[in-house]
Amino acid sequence: MENIFETNYLLSVPGMEEIIQDGLNTPLSECVPLSDVWPDVI
């Protein structure tokens, strides 16, 4: 149930739906490596 609340919150932010869709449609080759974002994870 918490995921539904989080999704509703994110979608209530103006422009967030488009930002999420852009991210989903971005090819992996254009993405920043995870190790550059969270160096401690990898």
PDB file of N, CA and C in Angstrom:
ATOM      1  N   MET A   1       0.820  -1.196   0.000  1.00  0.00           N
ATOM      2  CA  MET A   1       0.000   0.000   0.000  1.00  0.00           C
ATOM      3  C   MET A   1       0.863   1.258   0.000  1.00  0.00           C
ATOM      4  N   GLU A   2       2.011   1.180   0.661  1.00  0.00           N
ATOM      5  CA  GLU A   2       2.902   2.343   0.724  1.00  0.00           C
ATOM      6  C   GLU A   2       3.380   2.757  -0.669  1.00  0.00           C
ATOM      7  N   ASN A   3       3.585   1.764  -1.561  1.00  0.00           N
ATOM      8  CA  ASN A   3       4.039   2.079  -2.915  1.00  0.00           C
ATOM      9  C   ASN A   3       3.017   2.920  -3.669  1.00  0.00           C
ATOM     10  N   ILE A   4       1.752   2.669  -3.430  1.00  0.00           N
ATOM     11  CA  ILE A   4       0.699   3.450  -4.084  1.00  0.00           C
ATOM     12  C   ILE A   4       0.766   4.903  -3.621  1.00  0.00           C
ATOM     13  N   PHE A   5       0.981   5.117  -2.324  1.00  0.00           N
ATOM     14  CA  PHE A   5       1.084   6.482  -1.801  1.00  0.00           C
ATOM     15  C   PHE A   5       2.304   7.198  -2.384  1.00  0.00           C
ATOM     16  N   GLU A   6       3.420   6.478  -2.486  1.00  0.00           N
ATOM     17  CA  GLU A   6       4.628   7.082  -3.052  1.00  0.00           C
ATOM     18  C   GLU A   6       4.420   7.445  -4.513  1.00  0.00           C
ATOM     19  N   THR A   7       3.778   6.550  -5.257  1.00  0.00           N
ATOM     20  CA  THR A   7       3.505   6.820  -6.669  1.00  0.00           C
ATOM     21  C   THR A   7       2.586   8.021  -6.817  1.00  0.00           C
ATOM     22  N   ASN A   8       1.530   8.074  -6.030  1.00  0.00           N
ATOM     23  CA  ASN A   8       0.613   9.217  -6.094  1.00  0.00           C
ATOM     24  C   ASN A   8       1.319  10.515  -5.742  1.00  0.00           C
ATOM     25  N   TYR A   9       2.206  10.470  -4.757  1.00  0.00           N
ATOM     26  CA  TYR A   9       2.950  11.671  -4.389  1.00  0.00           C
ATOM     27  C   TYR A   9       3.828  12.118  -5.554  1.00  0.00           C
ATOM     28  N   LEU A  10       4.595  11.191  -6.121  1.00  0.00           N
ATOM     29  CA  LEU A  10       5.482  11.559  -7.230  1.00  0.00           C
ATOM     30  C   LEU A  10       4.706  12.132  -8.403  1.00  0.00           C
ATOM     31  N   LEU A  11       3.569  11.537  -8.711  1.00  0.00           N
ATOM     32  CA  LEU A  11       2.777  12.005  -9.847  1.00  0.00           C
ATOM     33  C   LEU A  11       2.071  13.326  -9.553  1.00  0.00           C
ATOM     34  N   SER A  12       2.011  13.730  -8.285  1.00  0.00           N
ATOM     35  CA  SER A  12       1.392  15.017  -7.948  1.00  0.00           C
ATOM     36  C   SER A  12       2.366  16.178  -8.163  1.00  0.00           C
ATOM     37  N   VAL A  13       3.645  15.873  -8.324  1.00  0.00           N
ATOM     38  CA  VAL A  13       4.652  16.914  -8.567  1.00  0.00           C
ATOM     39  C   VAL A  13       4.547  17.319 -10.034  1.00  0.00           C
ATOM     40  N   PRO A  14       4.349  18.614 -10.319  1.00  0.00           N
ATOM     41  CA  PRO A  14       4.211  19.054 -11.709  1.00  0.00           C
ATOM     42  C   PRO A  14       5.414  18.639 -12.555  1.00  0.00           C
ATOM     43  N   GLY A  15       5.128  17.981 -13.682  1.00  0.00           N
ATOM     44  CA  GLY A  15       6.177  17.578 -14.615  1.00  0.00           C
ATOM     45  C   GLY A  15       6.854  16.257 -14.290  1.00  0.00           C
ATOM     46  N   MET A  16       6.570  15.684 -13.136  1.00  0.00           N
ATOM     47  CA  MET A  16       7.266  14.462 -12.723  1.00  0.00           C
ATOM     48  C   MET A  16       6.933  13.276 -13.623  1.00  0.00           C
ATOM     49  N   GLU A  17       5.696  13.180 -14.052  1.00  0.00           N
ATOM     50  CA  GLU A  17       5.312  12.051 -14.911  1.00  0.00           C
ATOM     51  C   GLU A  17       6.150  12.054 -16.197  1.00  0.00           C
ATOM     52  N   GLU A  18       6.342  13.230 -16.778  1.00  0.00           N
ATOM     53  CA  GLU A  18       7.139  13.329 -18.000  1.00  0.00           C
ATOM     54  C   GLU A  18       8.603  12.987 -17.730  1.00  0.00           C
ATOM     55  N   ILE A  19       9.122  13.422 -16.582  1.00  0.00           N
ATOM     56  CA  ILE A  19      10.508  13.129 -16.229  1.00  0.00           C
ATOM     57  C   ILE A  19      10.705  11.617 -16.070  1.00  0.00           C
ATOM     58  N   ILE A  20       9.748  10.966 -15.425  1.00  0.00           N
ATOM     59  CA  ILE A  20       9.824   9.512 -15.243  1.00  0.00           C
ATOM     60  C   ILE A  20       9.754   8.813 -16.599  1.00  0.00           C
ATOM     61  N   GLN A  21       8.841   9.257 -17.458  1.00  0.00           N
ATOM     62  CA  GLN A  21       8.719   8.647 -18.783  1.00  0.00           C
ATOM     63  C   GLN A  21      10.003   8.846 -19.589  1.00  0.00           C
ATOM     64  N   ASP A  22      10.597  10.034 -19.509  1.00  0.00           N
ATOM     65  CA  ASP A  22      11.866  10.283 -20.206  1.00  0.00           C
ATOM     66  C   ASP A  22      12.939   9.319 -19.720  1.00  0.00           C
ATOM     67  N   GLY A  23      12.990   9.113 -18.414  1.00  0.00           N
ATOM     68  CA  GLY A  23      13.974   8.198 -17.850  1.00  0.00           C
ATOM     69  C   GLY A  23      13.751   6.768 -18.310  1.00  0.00           C
ATOM     70  N   LEU A  24      12.504   6.357 -18.358  1.00  0.00           N
ATOM     71  CA  LEU A  24      12.192   4.999 -18.802  1.00  0.00           C
ATOM     72  C   LEU A  24      12.541   4.793 -20.271  1.00  0.00           C
ATOM     73  N   ASN A  25      12.469   5.855 -21.061  1.00  0.00           N
ATOM     74  CA  ASN A  25      12.733   5.758 -22.498  1.00  0.00           C
ATOM     75  C   ASN A  25      14.186   6.034 -22.859  1.00  0.00           C
ATOM     76  N   THR A  26      15.021   6.329 -21.881  1.00  0.00           N
ATOM     77  CA  THR A  26      16.433   6.609 -22.140  1.00  0.00           C
ATOM     78  C   THR A  26      17.208   5.307 -22.312  1.00  0.00           C
ATOM     79  N   PRO A  27      17.950   5.174 -23.416  1.00  0.00           N
ATOM     80  CA  PRO A  27      18.750   3.962 -23.604  1.00  0.00           C
ATOM     81  C   PRO A  27      19.837   3.864 -22.530  1.00  0.00           C
ATOM     82  N   LEU A  28      20.157   2.642 -22.133  1.00  0.00           N
ATOM     83  CA  LEU A  28      21.191   2.427 -21.119  1.00  0.00           C
ATOM     84  C   LEU A  28      22.524   3.043 -21.529  1.00  0.00           C
ATOM     85  N   SER A  29      22.791   3.095 -22.833  1.00  0.00           N
ATOM     86  CA  SER A  29      24.063   3.656 -23.303  1.00  0.00           C
ATOM     87  C   SER A  29      24.194   5.144 -22.978  1.00  0.00           C
ATOM     88  N   GLU A  30      23.068   5.813 -22.706  1.00  0.00           N
ATOM     89  CA  GLU A  30      23.084   7.235 -22.368  1.00  0.00           C
ATOM     90  C   GLU A  30      23.033   7.489 -20.863  1.00  0.00           C
ATOM     91  N   CYS A  31      22.971   6.422 -20.077  1.00  0.00           N
ATOM     92  CA  CYS A  31      22.852   6.563 -18.635  1.00  0.00           C
ATOM     93  C   CYS A  31      24.217   6.631 -17.957  1.00  0.00           C
ATOM     94  N   VAL A  32      24.241   7.263 -16.810  1.00  0.00           N
ATOM     95  CA  VAL A  32      25.448   7.346 -15.990  1.00  0.00           C
ATOM     96  C   VAL A  32      25.604   6.009 -15.266  1.00  0.00           C
ATOM     97  N   PRO A  33      26.809   5.447 -15.213  1.00  0.00           N
ATOM     98  CA  PRO A  33      26.994   4.184 -14.493  1.00  0.00           C
ATOM     99  C   PRO A  33      26.619   4.323 -13.014  1.00  0.00           C
ATOM    100  N   LEU A  34      26.023   3.284 -12.468  1.00  0.00           N
ATOM    101  CA  LEU A  34      25.607   3.286 -11.073  1.00  0.00           C
ATOM    102  C   LEU A  34      26.781   3.593 -10.141  1.00  0.00           C
ATOM    103  N   SER A  35      27.956   3.086 -10.489  1.00  0.00           N
ATOM    104  CA  SER A  35      29.132   3.311  -9.632  1.00  0.00           C
ATOM    105  C   SER A  35      29.515   4.793  -9.564  1.00  0.00           C
ATOM    106  N   ASP A  36      29.119   5.580 -10.562  1.00  0.00           N
ATOM    107  CA  ASP A  36      29.379   7.022 -10.530  1.00  0.00           C
ATOM    108  C   ASP A  36      28.375   7.761  -9.642  1.00  0.00           C
ATOM    109  N   VAL A  37      27.209   7.162  -9.447  1.00  0.00           N
ATOM    110  CA  VAL A  37      26.164   7.783  -8.639  1.00  0.00           C
ATOM    111  C   VAL A  37      26.289   7.357  -7.193  1.00  0.00           C
ATOM    112  N   TRP A  38      26.444   6.059  -6.968  1.00  0.00           N
ATOM    113  CA  TRP A  38      26.570   5.475  -5.627  1.00  0.00           C
ATOM    114  C   TRP A  38      27.833   4.625  -5.586  1.00  0.00           C
ATOM    115  N   PRO A  39      28.986   5.231  -5.382  1.00  0.00           N
ATOM    116  CA  PRO A  39      30.239   4.463  -5.432  1.00  0.00           C
ATOM    117  C   PRO A  39      30.335   3.346  -4.398  1.00  0.00           C
ATOM    118  N   ASP A  40      29.621   3.464  -3.295  1.00  0.00           N
ATOM    119  CA  ASP A  40      29.698   2.449  -2.233  1.00  0.00           C
ATOM    120  C   ASP A  40      28.868   1.212  -2.547  1.00  0.00           C
ATOM    121  N   VAL A  41      27.978   1.298  -3.540  1.00  0.00           N
ATOM    122  CA  VAL A  41      27.089   0.188  -3.847  1.00  0.00           C
ATOM    123  C   VAL A  41      27.831  -0.896  -4.632  1.00  0.00           C
ATOM    124  N   ILE A  42      28.681  -0.464  -5.538  1.00  0.00           N
ATOM    125  CA  ILE A  42      29.378  -1.434  -6.397  1.00  0.00           C
ATOM    126  C   ILE A  42      30.847  -1.503  -6.006  1.00  0.00           C
TER     127      ILE A  42
END
